[in-house]
Amino acid sequence: MLIANIVHPFPGVAAMALYIMTAFLFCMHSLQMLIFIGAFGDKITMSRWEKWSILIFGIFALLDIRRKHMIGKE
């Protein structure tokens, strides 16, 4: 819905509210990406796609990366 609003804005105030939500979501996912890379960047090797997937999918990407790199290697 947020991407649809960027491509074809909804009428009225709804578009502005969705722009604000999009910006907030982008900031939160950016913060997640920076924290995760800062905390684990030297311990695991992540591909470029994995880094971008955190920005796009947030916690769901982090859970997948955790499962792939960290579970079973303790």
PDB file of N, CA and C in Angstrom:
ATOM      1  N   MET A   1       0.823  -1.180   0.000  1.00  0.00           N
ATOM      2  CA  MET A   1       0.000   0.000   0.000  1.00  0.00           C
ATOM      3  C   MET A   1       0.874   1.252   0.000  1.00  0.00           C
ATOM      4  N   LEU A   2       1.975   1.196   0.748  1.00  0.00           N
ATOM      5  CA  LEU A   2       2.867   2.350   0.806  1.00  0.00           C
ATOM      6  C   LEU A   2       3.537   2.598  -0.540  1.00  0.00           C
ATOM      7  N   ILE A   3       3.936   1.538  -1.225  1.00  0.00           N
ATOM      8  CA  ILE A   3       4.545   1.693  -2.544  1.00  0.00           C
ATOM      9  C   ILE A   3       3.505   2.142  -3.556  1.00  0.00           C
ATOM     10  N   ALA A   4       2.303   1.607  -3.465  1.00  0.00           N
ATOM     11  CA  ALA A   4       1.221   2.018  -4.368  1.00  0.00           C
ATOM     12  C   ALA A   4       0.937   3.508  -4.225  1.00  0.00           C
ATOM     13  N   ASN A   5       1.027   4.029  -3.016  1.00  0.00           N
ATOM     14  CA  ASN A   5       0.799   5.451  -2.792  1.00  0.00           C
ATOM     15  C   ASN A   5       1.881   6.300  -3.450  1.00  0.00           C
ATOM     16  N   ILE A   6       3.094   5.807  -3.514  1.00  0.00           N
ATOM     17  CA  ILE A   6       4.174   6.553  -4.167  1.00  0.00           C
ATOM     18  C   ILE A   6       3.959   6.571  -5.682  1.00  0.00           C
ATOM     19  N   VAL A   7       3.579   5.419  -6.229  1.00  0.00           N
ATOM     20  CA  VAL A   7       3.384   5.302  -7.676  1.00  0.00           C
ATOM     21  C   VAL A   7       2.135   6.059  -8.128  1.00  0.00           C
ATOM     22  N   HIS A   8       1.038   5.869  -7.411  1.00  0.00           N
ATOM     23  CA  HIS A   8      -0.236   6.519  -7.758  1.00  0.00           C
ATOM     24  C   HIS A   8      -0.853   7.042  -6.457  1.00  0.00           C
ATOM     25  N   PRO A   9      -0.581   8.313  -6.125  1.00  0.00           N
ATOM     26  CA  PRO A   9      -1.035   8.853  -4.831  1.00  0.00           C
ATOM     27  C   PRO A   9      -2.540   8.761  -4.618  1.00  0.00           C
ATOM     28  N   PHE A  10      -2.903   8.409  -3.410  1.00  0.00           N
ATOM     29  CA  PHE A  10      -4.301   8.367  -3.021  1.00  0.00           C
ATOM     30  C   PHE A  10      -4.818   9.798  -2.868  1.00  0.00           C
ATOM     31  N   PRO A  11      -6.105  10.000  -2.991  1.00  0.00           N
ATOM     32  CA  PRO A  11      -6.653  11.364  -2.901  1.00  0.00           C
ATOM     33  C   PRO A  11      -6.670  11.881  -1.462  1.00  0.00           C
ATOM     34  N   GLY A  12      -6.552  13.174  -1.343  1.00  0.00           N
ATOM     35  CA  GLY A  12      -6.746  13.854  -0.066  1.00  0.00           C
ATOM     36  C   GLY A  12      -5.633  13.649   0.940  1.00  0.00           C
ATOM     37  N   VAL A  13      -6.036  13.638   2.191  1.00  0.00           N
ATOM     38  CA  VAL A  13      -5.113  13.561   3.319  1.00  0.00           C
ATOM     39  C   VAL A  13      -4.494  12.164   3.445  1.00  0.00           C
ATOM     40  N   ALA A  14      -5.135  11.159   2.888  1.00  0.00           N
ATOM     41  CA  ALA A  14      -4.627   9.791   2.995  1.00  0.00           C
ATOM     42  C   ALA A  14      -3.230   9.683   2.406  1.00  0.00           C
ATOM     43  N   ALA A  15      -2.979  10.366   1.301  1.00  0.00           N
ATOM     44  CA  ALA A  15      -1.658  10.317   0.667  1.00  0.00           C
ATOM     45  C   ALA A  15      -0.594  10.875   1.610  1.00  0.00           C
ATOM     46  N   MET A  16      -0.886  11.995   2.255  1.00  0.00           N
ATOM     47  CA  MET A  16       0.088  12.606   3.166  1.00  0.00           C
ATOM     48  C   MET A  16       0.372  11.675   4.353  1.00  0.00           C
ATOM     49  N   ALA A  17      -0.652  11.067   4.901  1.00  0.00           N
ATOM     50  CA  ALA A  17      -0.461  10.141   6.026  1.00  0.00           C
ATOM     51  C   ALA A  17       0.396   8.953   5.592  1.00  0.00           C
ATOM     52  N   LEU A  18       0.154   8.432   4.402  1.00  0.00           N
ATOM     53  CA  LEU A  18       0.940   7.292   3.923  1.00  0.00           C
ATOM     54  C   LEU A  18       2.369   7.689   3.601  1.00  0.00           C
ATOM     55  N   TYR A  19       2.597   8.925   3.134  1.00  0.00           N
ATOM     56  CA  TYR A  19       3.972   9.405   2.928  1.00  0.00           C
ATOM     57  C   TYR A  19       4.726   9.449   4.257  1.00  0.00           C
ATOM     58  N   ILE A  20       4.062   9.920   5.283  1.00  0.00           N
ATOM     59  CA  ILE A  20       4.684   9.989   6.609  1.00  0.00           C
ATOM     60  C   ILE A  20       4.995   8.588   7.122  1.00  0.00           C
ATOM     61  N   MET A  21       4.054   7.650   6.943  1.00  0.00           N
ATOM     62  CA  MET A  21       4.295   6.264   7.368  1.00  0.00           C
ATOM     63  C   MET A  21       5.438   5.629   6.576  1.00  0.00           C
ATOM     64  N   THR A  22       5.527   5.938   5.295  1.00  0.00           N
ATOM     65  CA  THR A  22       6.614   5.412   4.470  1.00  0.00           C
ATOM     66  C   THR A  22       7.964   5.925   4.968  1.00  0.00           C
ATOM     67  N   ALA A  23       8.046   7.200   5.255  1.00  0.00           N
ATOM     68  CA  ALA A  23       9.294   7.780   5.756  1.00  0.00           C
ATOM     69  C   ALA A  23       9.672   7.169   7.104  1.00  0.00           C
ATOM     70  N   PHE A  24       8.700   7.002   7.984  1.00  0.00           N
ATOM     71  CA  PHE A  24       8.956   6.405   9.292  1.00  0.00           C
ATOM     72  C   PHE A  24       9.435   4.965   9.153  1.00  0.00           C
ATOM     73  N   LEU A  25       8.788   4.191   8.284  1.00  0.00           N
ATOM     74  CA  LEU A  25       9.175   2.800   8.050  1.00  0.00           C
ATOM     75  C   LEU A  25      10.594   2.716   7.495  1.00  0.00           C
ATOM     76  N   PHE A  26      10.909   3.580   6.543  1.00  0.00           N
ATOM     77  CA  PHE A  26      12.253   3.613   5.969  1.00  0.00           C
ATOM     78  C   PHE A  26      13.299   3.948   7.035  1.00  0.00           C
ATOM     79  N   CYS A  27      13.003   4.903   7.895  1.00  0.00           N
ATOM     80  CA  CYS A  27      13.940   5.268   8.971  1.00  0.00           C
ATOM     81  C   CYS A  27      14.141   4.114   9.949  1.00  0.00           C
ATOM     82  N   MET A  28      13.069   3.452  10.339  1.00  0.00           N
ATOM     83  CA  MET A  28      13.173   2.340  11.288  1.00  0.00           C
ATOM     84  C   MET A  28      13.954   1.169  10.688  1.00  0.00           C
ATOM     85  N   HIS A  29      13.693   0.833   9.446  1.00  0.00           N
ATOM     86  CA  HIS A  29      14.418  -0.268   8.810  1.00  0.00           C
ATOM     87  C   HIS A  29      15.880   0.100   8.585  1.00  0.00           C
ATOM     88  N   SER A  30      16.154   1.365   8.289  1.00  0.00           N
ATOM     89  CA  SER A  30      17.545   1.818   8.165  1.00  0.00           C
ATOM     90  C   SER A  30      18.274   1.682   9.494  1.00  0.00           C
ATOM     91  N   LEU A  31      17.594   2.057  10.563  1.00  0.00           N
ATOM     92  CA  LEU A  31      18.181   1.940  11.898  1.00  0.00           C
ATOM     93  C   LEU A  31      18.439   0.478  12.247  1.00  0.00           C
ATOM     94  N   GLN A  32      17.494  -0.407  11.926  1.00  0.00           N
ATOM     95  CA  GLN A  32      17.692  -1.841  12.159  1.00  0.00           C
ATOM     96  C   GLN A  32      18.914  -2.344  11.391  1.00  0.00           C
ATOM     97  N   MET A  33      19.030  -1.934  10.138  1.00  0.00           N
ATOM     98  CA  MET A  33      20.139  -2.375   9.304  1.00  0.00           C
ATOM     99  C   MET A  33      21.472  -1.891   9.881  1.00  0.00           C
ATOM    100  N   LEU A  34      21.545  -0.634  10.268  1.00  0.00           N
ATOM    101  CA  LEU A  34      22.793  -0.094  10.816  1.00  0.00           C
ATOM    102  C   LEU A  34      23.167  -0.763  12.140  1.00  0.00           C
ATOM    103  N   ILE A  35      22.199  -0.993  13.000  1.00  0.00           N
ATOM    104  CA  ILE A  35      22.476  -1.644  14.281  1.00  0.00           C
ATOM    105  C   ILE A  35      22.936  -3.075  14.070  1.00  0.00           C
ATOM    106  N   PHE A  36      22.253  -3.812  13.203  1.00  0.00           N
ATOM    107  CA  PHE A  36      22.608  -5.212  12.965  1.00  0.00           C
ATOM    108  C   PHE A  36      23.994  -5.324  12.334  1.00  0.00           C
ATOM    109  N   ILE A  37      24.271  -4.512  11.332  1.00  0.00           N
ATOM    110  CA  ILE A  37      25.587  -4.556  10.690  1.00  0.00           C
ATOM    111  C   ILE A  37      26.667  -4.102  11.663  1.00  0.00           C
ATOM    112  N   GLY A  38      26.364  -3.114  12.490  1.00  0.00           N
ATOM    113  CA  GLY A  38      27.323  -2.660  13.489  1.00  0.00           C
ATOM    114  C   GLY A  38      27.614  -3.718  14.531  1.00  0.00           C
ATOM    115  N   ALA A  39      26.597  -4.465  14.921  1.00  0.00           N
ATOM    116  CA  ALA A  39      26.770  -5.466  15.965  1.00  0.00           C
ATOM    117  C   ALA A  39      27.379  -6.762  15.442  1.00  0.00           C
ATOM    118  N   PHE A  40      26.981  -7.191  14.248  1.00  0.00           N
ATOM    119  CA  PHE A  40      27.393  -8.503  13.750  1.00  0.00           C
ATOM    120  C   PHE A  40      28.167  -8.466  12.439  1.00  0.00           C
ATOM    121  N   GLY A  41      28.444  -7.290  11.921  1.00  0.00           N
ATOM    122  CA  GLY A  41      29.104  -7.175  10.629  1.00  0.00           C
ATOM    123  C   GLY A  41      30.471  -7.826  10.564  1.00  0.00           C
ATOM    124  N   ASP A  42      31.198  -7.821  11.673  1.00  0.00           N
ATOM    125  CA  ASP A  42      32.527  -8.444  11.683  1.00  0.00           C
ATOM    126  C   ASP A  42      32.469  -9.938  12.012  1.00  0.00           C
ATOM    127  N   LYS A  43      31.329 -10.412  12.502  1.00  0.00           N
ATOM    128  CA  LYS A  43      31.200 -11.822  12.888  1.00  0.00           C
ATOM    129  C   LYS A  43      30.636 -12.701  11.783  1.00  0.00           C
ATOM    130  N   ILE A  44      29.801 -12.141  10.921  1.00  0.00           N
ATOM    131  CA  ILE A  44      29.217 -12.914   9.820  1.00  0.00           C
ATOM    132  C   ILE A  44      29.429 -12.163   8.513  1.00  0.00           C
ATOM    133  N   THR A  45      29.464 -12.915   7.437  1.00  0.00           N
ATOM    134  CA  THR A  45      29.599 -12.320   6.113  1.00  0.00           C
ATOM    135  C   THR A  45      28.227 -12.303   5.455  1.00  0.00           C
ATOM    136  N   MET A  46      27.738 -11.105   5.198  1.00  0.00           N
ATOM    137  CA  MET A  46      26.425 -10.960   4.576  1.00  0.00           C
ATOM    138  C   MET A  46      26.592 -10.482   3.137  1.00  0.00           C
ATOM    139  N   SER A  47      25.724 -10.990   2.283  1.00  0.00           N
ATOM    140  CA  SER A  47      25.743 -10.541   0.890  1.00  0.00           C
ATOM    141  C   SER A  47      25.103  -9.160   0.794  1.00  0.00           C
ATOM    142  N   ARG A  48      25.297  -8.559  -0.345  1.00  0.00           N
ATOM    143  CA  ARG A  48      24.699  -7.243  -0.579  1.00  0.00           C
ATOM    144  C   ARG A  48      23.168  -7.334  -0.505  1.00  0.00           C
ATOM    145  N   TRP A  49      22.597  -8.418  -1.048  1.00  0.00           N
ATOM    146  CA  TRP A  49      21.139  -8.595  -1.010  1.00  0.00           C
ATOM    147  C   TRP A  49      20.639  -8.709   0.432  1.00  0.00           C
ATOM    148  N   GLU A  50      21.371  -9.401   1.288  1.00  0.00           N
ATOM    149  CA  GLU A  50      20.945  -9.543   2.681  1.00  0.00           C
ATOM    150  C   GLU A  50      20.894  -8.186   3.375  1.00  0.00           C
ATOM    151  N   LYS A  51      21.852  -7.338   3.073  1.00  0.00           N
ATOM    152  CA  LYS A  51      21.853  -6.001   3.669  1.00  0.00           C
ATOM    153  C   LYS A  51      20.659  -5.188   3.177  1.00  0.00           C
ATOM    154  N   TRP A  52      20.382  -5.251   1.892  1.00  0.00           N
ATOM    155  CA  TRP A  52      19.244  -4.518   1.340  1.00  0.00           C
ATOM    156  C   TRP A  52      17.919  -5.119   1.790  1.00  0.00           C
ATOM    157  N   SER A  53      17.873  -6.439   1.994  1.00  0.00           N
ATOM    158  CA  SER A  53      16.622  -7.061   2.421  1.00  0.00           C
ATOM    159  C   SER A  53      16.226  -6.595   3.815  1.00  0.00           C
ATOM    160  N   ILE A  54      17.199  -6.270   4.654  1.00  0.00           N
ATOM    161  CA  ILE A  54      16.874  -5.706   5.973  1.00  0.00           C
ATOM    162  C   ILE A  54      16.161  -4.369   5.780  1.00  0.00           C
ATOM    163  N   LEU A  55      16.654  -3.574   4.848  1.00  0.00           N
ATOM    164  CA  LEU A  55      16.039  -2.277   4.591  1.00  0.00           C
ATOM    165  C   LEU A  55      14.618  -2.439   4.049  1.00  0.00           C
ATOM    166  N   ILE A  56      14.404  -3.454   3.231  1.00  0.00           N
ATOM    167  CA  ILE A  56      13.094  -3.641   2.597  1.00  0.00           C
ATOM    168  C   ILE A  56      12.111  -4.363   3.518  1.00  0.00           C
ATOM    169  N   PHE A  57      12.562  -5.471   4.143  1.00  0.00           N
ATOM    170  CA  PHE A  57      11.642  -6.333   4.886  1.00  0.00           C
ATOM    171  C   PHE A  57      11.759  -6.228   6.399  1.00  0.00           C
ATOM    172  N   GLY A  58      12.753  -5.541   6.912  1.00  0.00           N
ATOM    173  CA  GLY A  58      12.887  -5.314   8.344  1.00  0.00           C
ATOM    174  C   GLY A  58      13.161  -6.581   9.139  1.00  0.00           C
ATOM    175  N   ILE A  59      12.384  -6.796  10.183  1.00  0.00           N
ATOM    176  CA  ILE A  59      12.616  -7.894  11.126  1.00  0.00           C
ATOM    177  C   ILE A  59      12.512  -9.260  10.460  1.00  0.00           C
ATOM    178  N   PHE A  60      11.691  -9.382   9.422  1.00  0.00           N
ATOM    179  CA  PHE A  60      11.570 -10.674   8.748  1.00  0.00           C
ATOM    180  C   PHE A  60      12.891 -11.063   8.086  1.00  0.00           C
ATOM    181  N   ALA A  61      13.583 -10.110   7.505  1.00  0.00           N
ATOM    182  CA  ALA A  61      14.893 -10.380   6.917  1.00  0.00           C
ATOM    183  C   ALA A  61      15.914 -10.700   8.009  1.00  0.00           C
ATOM    184  N   LEU A  62      15.833 -10.003   9.124  1.00  0.00           N
ATOM    185  CA  LEU A  62      16.759 -10.272  10.225  1.00  0.00           C
ATOM    186  C   LEU A  62      16.584 -11.687  10.768  1.00  0.00           C
ATOM    187  N   LEU A  63      15.343 -12.125  10.875  1.00  0.00           N
ATOM    188  CA  LEU A  63      15.097 -13.490  11.345  1.00  0.00           C
ATOM    189  C   LEU A  63      15.665 -14.519  10.370  1.00  0.00           C
ATOM    190  N   ASP A  64      15.532 -14.268   9.081  1.00  0.00           N
ATOM    191  CA  ASP A  64      16.072 -15.176   8.077  1.00  0.00           C
ATOM    192  C   ASP A  64      17.598 -15.198   8.116  1.00  0.00           C
ATOM    193  N   ILE A  65      18.215 -14.036   8.248  1.00  0.00           N
ATOM    194  CA  ILE A  65      19.674 -13.964   8.338  1.00  0.00           C
ATOM    195  C   ILE A  65      20.159 -14.659   9.602  1.00  0.00           C
ATOM    196  N   ARG A  66      19.449 -14.464  10.694  1.00  0.00           N
ATOM    197  CA  ARG A  66      19.801 -15.138  11.955  1.00  0.00           C
ATOM    198  C   ARG A  66      19.747 -16.650  11.791  1.00  0.00           C
ATOM    199  N   ARG A  67      18.671 -17.131  11.167  1.00  0.00           N
ATOM    200  CA  ARG A  67      18.535 -18.574  10.952  1.00  0.00           C
ATOM    201  C   ARG A  67      19.653 -19.098  10.053  1.00  0.00           C
ATOM    202  N   LYS A  68      19.991 -18.370   9.037  1.00  0.00           N
ATOM    203  CA  LYS A  68      20.979 -18.807   8.059  1.00  0.00           C
ATOM    204  C   LYS A  68      22.400 -18.804   8.633  1.00  0.00           C
ATOM    205  N   HIS A  69      22.758 -17.766   9.392  1.00  0.00           N
ATOM    206  CA  HIS A  69      24.148 -17.591   9.812  1.00  0.00           C
ATOM    207  C   HIS A  69      24.436 -17.980  11.264  1.00  0.00           C
ATOM    208  N   MET A  70      23.470 -17.890  12.133  1.00  0.00           N
ATOM    209  CA  MET A  70      23.774 -17.983  13.555  1.00  0.00           C
ATOM    210  C   MET A  70      23.258 -19.242  14.234  1.00  0.00           C
ATOM    211  N   ILE A  71      22.140 -19.774  13.819  1.00  0.00           N
ATOM    212  CA  ILE A  71      21.583 -20.946  14.503  1.00  0.00           C
ATOM    213  C   ILE A  71      22.362 -22.173  14.091  1.00  0.00           C
ATOM    214  N   GLY A  72      22.800 -22.933  15.058  1.00  0.00           N
ATOM    215  CA  GLY A  72      23.537 -24.159  14.784  1.00  0.00           C
ATOM    216  C   GLY A  72      25.056 -23.963  14.741  1.00  0.00           C
ATOM    217  N   LYS A  73      25.530 -22.739  14.912  1.00  0.00           N
ATOM    218  CA  LYS A  73      26.977 -22.486  14.877  1.00  0.00           C
ATOM    219  C   LYS A  73      27.518 -22.114  16.247  1.00  0.00           C
ATOM    220  N   GLU A  74      26.734 -22.395  17.259  1.00  0.00           N
ATOM    221  CA  GLU A  74      27.165 -22.049  18.623  1.00  0.00           C
ATOM    222  C   GLU A  74      27.999 -23.144  19.237  1.00  0.00           C
TER     223      GLU A  74
END
